[in-house]
């Protein structure tokens, strides 16, 4: 399936958002996830979110500093 991830088309066979993160080795502790123009709550169970052909996924990493 094809996903639009941060403006780039990615081909993946993963079915859930959790599987996608695992396959790309993305740590989700400090990340904001927007799926199809909807920001997902931090308490979202990513294994319950099914991905579909053409989904638009934006990932923002929170970085602290001082």
PDB file of N, CA and C in Angstrom:
ATOM      1  N   UNK A   1       0.837  -1.161   0.000  1.00  0.00           N
ATOM      2  CA  UNK A   1       0.000   0.000   0.000  1.00  0.00           C
ATOM      3  C   UNK A   1       0.891   1.235   0.000  1.00  0.00           C
ATOM      4  N   UNK A   2       0.359   2.326  -0.500  1.00  0.00           N
ATOM      5  CA  UNK A   2       1.086   3.596  -0.563  1.00  0.00           C
ATOM      6  C   UNK A   2       0.547   4.549   0.498  1.00  0.00           C
ATOM      7  N   UNK A   3       1.469   5.132   1.265  1.00  0.00           N
ATOM      8  CA  UNK A   3       1.120   6.136   2.265  1.00  0.00           C
ATOM      9  C   UNK A   3       1.884   7.416   1.948  1.00  0.00           C
ATOM     10  N   UNK A   4       1.274   8.535   2.237  1.00  0.00           N
ATOM     11  CA  UNK A   4       1.950   9.822   2.124  1.00  0.00           C
ATOM     12  C   UNK A   4       2.441  10.184   3.524  1.00  0.00           C
ATOM     13  N   UNK A   5       3.743  10.064   3.748  1.00  0.00           N
ATOM     14  CA  UNK A   5       4.326  10.297   5.067  1.00  0.00           C
ATOM     15  C   UNK A   5       5.208  11.544   5.004  1.00  0.00           C
ATOM     16  N   UNK A   6       4.782  12.582   5.706  1.00  0.00           N
ATOM     17  CA  UNK A   6       5.501  13.857   5.722  1.00  0.00           C
ATOM     18  C   UNK A   6       5.827  14.338   4.307  1.00  0.00           C
ATOM     19  N   UNK A   7       4.874  14.159   3.397  1.00  0.00           N
ATOM     20  CA  UNK A   7       5.024  14.658   2.037  1.00  0.00           C
ATOM     21  C   UNK A   7       5.716  13.716   1.067  1.00  0.00           C
ATOM     22  N   UNK A   8       6.142  12.545   1.513  1.00  0.00           N
ATOM     23  CA  UNK A   8       6.790  11.562   0.644  1.00  0.00           C
ATOM     24  C   UNK A   8       5.949  10.302   0.572  1.00  0.00           C
ATOM     25  N   UNK A   9       5.856   9.715  -0.615  1.00  0.00           N
ATOM     26  CA  UNK A   9       5.115   8.468  -0.794  1.00  0.00           C
ATOM     27  C   UNK A   9       5.989   7.313  -0.335  1.00  0.00           C
ATOM     28  N   UNK A  10       5.451   6.491   0.551  1.00  0.00           N
ATOM     29  CA  UNK A  10       6.151   5.321   1.072  1.00  0.00           C
ATOM     30  C   UNK A  10       5.303   4.087   0.772  1.00  0.00           C
ATOM     31  N   UNK A  11       5.948   3.037   0.304  1.00  0.00           N
ATOM     32  CA  UNK A  11       5.269   1.762   0.065  1.00  0.00           C
ATOM     33  C   UNK A  11       5.503   0.880   1.278  1.00  0.00           C
ATOM     34  N   UNK A  12       4.428   0.338   1.828  1.00  0.00           N
ATOM     35  CA  UNK A  12       4.534  -0.505   3.016  1.00  0.00           C
ATOM     36  C   UNK A  12       3.475  -1.598   2.974  1.00  0.00           C
ATOM     37  N   UNK A  13       3.743  -2.675   3.657  1.00  0.00           N
ATOM     38  CA  UNK A  13       2.775  -3.765   3.780  1.00  0.00           C
ATOM     39  C   UNK A  13       2.171  -3.820   5.180  1.00  0.00           C
ATOM     40  N   UNK A  14       2.564  -2.866   6.043  1.00  0.00           N
ATOM     41  CA  UNK A  14       2.054  -2.872   7.409  1.00  0.00           C
ATOM     42  C   UNK A  14       0.578  -2.497   7.417  1.00  0.00           C
ATOM     43  N   UNK A  15      -0.166  -3.053   8.363  1.00  0.00           N
ATOM     44  CA  UNK A  15      -1.606  -2.817   8.418  1.00  0.00           C
ATOM     45  C   UNK A  15      -2.017  -1.855   9.528  1.00  0.00           C
ATOM     46  N   UNK A  16      -1.228  -1.767  10.592  1.00  0.00           N
ATOM     47  CA  UNK A  16      -1.587  -0.861  11.679  1.00  0.00           C
ATOM     48  C   UNK A  16      -0.511   0.217  11.837  1.00  0.00           C
ATOM     49  N   UNK A  17      -0.885   1.275  12.500  1.00  0.00           N
ATOM     50  CA  UNK A  17       0.061   2.351  12.743  1.00  0.00           C
ATOM     51  C   UNK A  17       1.214   1.869  13.618  1.00  0.00           C
ATOM     52  N   UNK A  18       0.930   1.026  14.603  1.00  0.00           N
ATOM     53  CA  UNK A  18       1.987   0.473  15.460  1.00  0.00           C
ATOM     54  C   UNK A  18       2.972  -0.360  14.639  1.00  0.00           C
ATOM     55  N   UNK A  19       2.458  -1.170  13.725  1.00  0.00           N
ATOM     56  CA  UNK A  19       3.336  -1.974  12.862  1.00  0.00           C
ATOM     57  C   UNK A  19       4.205  -1.084  11.975  1.00  0.00           C
ATOM     58  N   UNK A  20       3.612  -0.001  11.478  1.00  0.00           N
ATOM     59  CA  UNK A  20       4.379   0.938  10.654  1.00  0.00           C
ATOM     60  C   UNK A  20       5.532   1.536  11.455  1.00  0.00           C
ATOM     61  N   UNK A  21       5.230   2.009  12.669  1.00  0.00           N
ATOM     62  CA  UNK A  21       6.280   2.593  13.508  1.00  0.00           C
ATOM     63  C   UNK A  21       7.370   1.560  13.799  1.00  0.00           C
ATOM     64  N   UNK A  22       6.983   0.330  14.096  1.00  0.00           N
ATOM     65  CA  UNK A  22       7.964  -0.726  14.379  1.00  0.00           C
ATOM     66  C   UNK A  22       8.832  -1.007  13.149  1.00  0.00           C
ATOM     67  N   UNK A  23       8.216  -1.062  11.976  1.00  0.00           N
ATOM     68  CA  UNK A  23       8.972  -1.379  10.756  1.00  0.00           C
ATOM     69  C   UNK A  23       9.969  -0.285  10.400  1.00  0.00           C
ATOM     70  N   UNK A  24       9.676   0.948  10.784  1.00  0.00           N
ATOM     71  CA  UNK A  24      10.570   2.085  10.505  1.00  0.00           C
ATOM     72  C   UNK A  24      11.421   2.456  11.709  1.00  0.00           C
ATOM     73  N   UNK A  25      11.301   1.674  12.791  1.00  0.00           N
ATOM     74  CA  UNK A  25      12.045   1.899  14.035  1.00  0.00           C
ATOM     75  C   UNK A  25      11.849   3.327  14.548  1.00  0.00           C
ATOM     76  N   UNK A  26      10.580   3.749  14.568  1.00  0.00           N
ATOM     77  CA  UNK A  26      10.223   5.077  15.054  1.00  0.00           C
ATOM     78  C   UNK A  26       9.769   4.967  16.500  1.00  0.00           C
ATOM     79  N   UNK A  27      10.445   5.677  17.379  1.00  0.00           N
ATOM     80  CA  UNK A  27      10.073   5.737  18.792  1.00  0.00           C
ATOM     81  C   UNK A  27       8.923   6.730  18.933  1.00  0.00           C
ATOM     82  N   UNK A  28       7.845   6.323  19.579  1.00  0.00           N
ATOM     83  CA  UNK A  28       6.636   7.146  19.625  1.00  0.00           C
ATOM     84  C   UNK A  28       6.468   7.938  20.926  1.00  0.00           C
ATOM     85  N   UNK A  29       7.455   7.891  21.799  1.00  0.00           N
ATOM     86  CA  UNK A  29       7.338   8.567  23.085  1.00  0.00           C
ATOM     87  C   UNK A  29       7.203  10.082  22.930  1.00  0.00           C
ATOM     88  N   UNK A  30       7.987  10.675  22.057  1.00  0.00           N
ATOM     89  CA  UNK A  30       7.999  12.134  21.885  1.00  0.00           C
ATOM     90  C   UNK A  30       7.616  12.504  20.458  1.00  0.00           C
ATOM     91  N   UNK A  31       6.433  12.074  20.050  1.00  0.00           N
ATOM     92  CA  UNK A  31       6.006  12.274  18.680  1.00  0.00           C
ATOM     93  C   UNK A  31       4.543  12.718  18.669  1.00  0.00           C
ATOM     94  N   UNK A  32       4.225  13.610  17.751  1.00  0.00           N
ATOM     95  CA  UNK A  32       2.844  14.000  17.490  1.00  0.00           C
ATOM     96  C   UNK A  32       2.470  13.368  16.162  1.00  0.00           C
ATOM     97  N   UNK A  33       1.310  12.700  16.121  1.00  0.00           N
ATOM     98  CA  UNK A  33       0.876  11.980  14.928  1.00  0.00           C
ATOM     99  C   UNK A  33      -0.395  12.621  14.391  1.00  0.00           C
ATOM    100  N   UNK A  34      -0.356  12.972  13.118  1.00  0.00           N
ATOM    101  CA  UNK A  34      -1.539  13.474  12.425  1.00  0.00           C
ATOM    102  C   UNK A  34      -1.864  12.484  11.308  1.00  0.00           C
ATOM    103  N   UNK A  35      -3.075  11.940  11.334  1.00  0.00           N
ATOM    104  CA  UNK A  35      -3.508  10.977  10.330  1.00  0.00           C
ATOM    105  C   UNK A  35      -4.706  11.555   9.611  1.00  0.00           C
ATOM    106  N   UNK A  36      -4.551  11.771   8.306  1.00  0.00           N
ATOM    107  CA  UNK A  36      -5.623  12.330   7.473  1.00  0.00           C
ATOM    108  C   UNK A  36      -6.184  13.621   8.074  1.00  0.00           C
ATOM    109  N   UNK A  37      -5.283  14.532   8.398  1.00  0.00           N
ATOM    110  CA  UNK A  37      -5.586  15.864   8.915  1.00  0.00           C
ATOM    111  C   UNK A  37      -6.238  15.864  10.298  1.00  0.00           C
ATOM    112  N   UNK A  38      -6.113  14.764  11.045  1.00  0.00           N
ATOM    113  CA  UNK A  38      -6.618  14.687  12.413  1.00  0.00           C
ATOM    114  C   UNK A  38      -5.457  14.336  13.344  1.00  0.00           C
ATOM    115  N   UNK A  39      -5.214  15.209  14.335  1.00  0.00           N
ATOM    116  CA  UNK A  39      -4.165  14.935  15.316  1.00  0.00           C
ATOM    117  C   UNK A  39      -4.681  13.873  16.274  1.00  0.00           C
ATOM    118  N   UNK A  40      -3.907  12.805  16.417  1.00  0.00           N
ATOM    119  CA  UNK A  40      -4.293  11.712  17.308  1.00  0.00           C
ATOM    120  C   UNK A  40      -3.894  12.041  18.744  1.00  0.00           C
ATOM    121  N   UNK A  41      -4.765  11.751  19.697  1.00  0.00           N
ATOM    122  CA  UNK A  41      -4.413  11.994  21.111  1.00  0.00           C
ATOM    123  C   UNK A  41      -3.194  11.168  21.520  1.00  0.00           C
ATOM    124  N   UNK A  42      -2.439  11.685  22.474  1.00  0.00           N
ATOM    125  CA  UNK A  42      -1.235  10.983  22.952  1.00  0.00           C
ATOM    126  C   UNK A  42      -1.583   9.621  23.542  1.00  0.00           C
ATOM    127  N   UNK A  43      -2.813   9.428  23.973  1.00  0.00           N
ATOM    128  CA  UNK A  43      -3.227   8.165  24.586  1.00  0.00           C
ATOM    129  C   UNK A  43      -3.695   7.128  23.560  1.00  0.00           C
ATOM    130  N   UNK A  44      -3.594   7.447  22.277  1.00  0.00           N
ATOM    131  CA  UNK A  44      -4.063   6.541  21.228  1.00  0.00           C
ATOM    132  C   UNK A  44      -3.287   5.226  21.254  1.00  0.00           C
ATOM    133  N   UNK A  45      -4.011   4.130  21.138  1.00  0.00           N
ATOM    134  CA  UNK A  45      -3.404   2.806  20.983  1.00  0.00           C
ATOM    135  C   UNK A  45      -3.126   2.621  19.494  1.00  0.00           C
ATOM    136  N   UNK A  46      -1.877   2.808  19.082  1.00  0.00           N
ATOM    137  CA  UNK A  46      -1.525   2.774  17.664  1.00  0.00           C
ATOM    138  C   UNK A  46      -1.794   1.412  17.026  1.00  0.00           C
ATOM    139  N   UNK A  47      -1.848   0.362  17.835  1.00  0.00           N
ATOM    140  CA  UNK A  47      -2.132  -0.968  17.274  1.00  0.00           C
ATOM    141  C   UNK A  47      -3.605  -1.097  16.869  1.00  0.00           C
ATOM    142  N   UNK A  48      -4.444  -0.166  17.311  1.00  0.00           N
ATOM    143  CA  UNK A  48      -5.864  -0.216  16.946  1.00  0.00           C
ATOM    144  C   UNK A  48      -6.181   0.633  15.716  1.00  0.00           C
ATOM    145  N   UNK A  49      -5.189   1.362  15.193  1.00  0.00           N
ATOM    146  CA  UNK A  49      -5.400   2.235  14.043  1.00  0.00           C
ATOM    147  C   UNK A  49      -4.975   1.497  12.780  1.00  0.00           C
ATOM    148  N   UNK A  50      -5.966   1.151  11.940  1.00  0.00           N
ATOM    149  CA  UNK A  50      -5.682   0.476  10.680  1.00  0.00           C
ATOM    150  C   UNK A  50      -5.318   1.507   9.612  1.00  0.00           C
ATOM    151  N   UNK A  51      -4.290   1.198   8.843  1.00  0.00           N
ATOM    152  CA  UNK A  51      -3.879   2.061   7.743  1.00  0.00           C
ATOM    153  C   UNK A  51      -4.577   1.632   6.465  1.00  0.00           C
ATOM    154  N   UNK A  52      -4.849   2.611   5.603  1.00  0.00           N
ATOM    155  CA  UNK A  52      -5.515   2.358   4.332  1.00  0.00           C
ATOM    156  C   UNK A  52      -4.724   2.983   3.196  1.00  0.00           C
ATOM    157  N   UNK A  53      -4.886   2.445   2.016  1.00  0.00           N
ATOM    158  CA  UNK A  53      -4.235   2.965   0.815  1.00  0.00           C
ATOM    159  C   UNK A  53      -4.454   4.470   0.720  1.00  0.00           C
ATOM    160  N   UNK A  54      -3.345   5.215   0.541  1.00  0.00           N
ATOM    161  CA  UNK A  54      -3.421   6.651   0.330  1.00  0.00           C
ATOM    162  C   UNK A  54      -3.544   7.494   1.581  1.00  0.00           C
ATOM    163  N   UNK A  55      -3.475   6.883   2.765  1.00  0.00           N
ATOM    164  CA  UNK A  55      -3.555   7.671   3.995  1.00  0.00           C
ATOM    165  C   UNK A  55      -2.449   8.720   4.017  1.00  0.00           C
ATOM    166  N   UNK A  56      -2.770   9.857   4.624  1.00  0.00           N
ATOM    167  CA  UNK A  56      -1.831  10.966   4.776  1.00  0.00           C
ATOM    168  C   UNK A  56      -1.380  10.988   6.229  1.00  0.00           C
ATOM    169  N   UNK A  57      -0.091  10.769   6.451  1.00  0.00           N
ATOM    170  CA  UNK A  57       0.467  10.655   7.791  1.00  0.00           C
ATOM    171  C   UNK A  57       1.551  11.712   7.973  1.00  0.00           C
ATOM    172  N   UNK A  58       1.398  12.540   8.999  1.00  0.00           N
ATOM    173  CA  UNK A  58       2.417  13.526   9.336  1.00  0.00           C
ATOM    174  C   UNK A  58       2.914  13.239  10.730  1.00  0.00           C
ATOM    175  N   UNK A  59       4.236  13.208  10.876  1.00  0.00           N
ATOM    176  CA  UNK A  59       4.879  12.898  12.152  1.00  0.00           C
ATOM    177  C   UNK A  59       5.765  14.061  12.558  1.00  0.00           C
ATOM    178  N   UNK A  60       5.573  14.532  13.769  1.00  0.00           N
ATOM    179  CA  UNK A  60       6.381  15.618  14.308  1.00  0.00           C
ATOM    180  C   UNK A  60       7.080  15.126  15.553  1.00  0.00           C
ATOM    181  N   UNK A  61       8.401  15.253  15.598  1.00  0.00           N
ATOM    182  CA  UNK A  61       9.173  14.873  16.768  1.00  0.00           C
ATOM    183  C   UNK A  61       9.329  16.082  17.669  1.00  0.00           C
ATOM    184  N   UNK A  62       9.007  15.902  18.941  1.00  0.00           N
ATOM    185  CA  UNK A  62       9.146  16.968  19.920  1.00  0.00           C
ATOM    186  C   UNK A  62      10.594  16.981  20.408  1.00  0.00           C
ATOM    187  N   UNK A  63      11.222  18.138  20.315  1.00  0.00           N
ATOM    188  CA  UNK A  63      12.605  18.280  20.734  1.00  0.00           C
ATOM    189  C   UNK A  63      12.669  19.391  21.784  1.00  0.00           C
ATOM    190  N   UNK A  64      13.260  19.067  22.917  1.00  0.00           N
ATOM    191  CA  UNK A  64      13.411  20.062  23.967  1.00  0.00           C
ATOM    192  C   UNK A  64      14.773  20.701  23.929  1.00  0.00           C
ATOM    193  N   UNK A  65      14.874  21.833  24.500  1.00  0.00           N
ATOM    194  CA  UNK A  65      16.165  22.515  24.556  1.00  0.00           C
ATOM    195  C   UNK A  65      16.075  23.706  25.482  1.00  0.00           C
ATOM    196  N   UNK A  66      17.153  24.349  25.630  1.00  0.00           N
ATOM    197  CA  UNK A  66      17.115  25.489  26.538  1.00  0.00           C
ATOM    198  C   UNK A  66      18.234  26.447  26.313  1.00  0.00           C
TER     199      UNK A  66
END
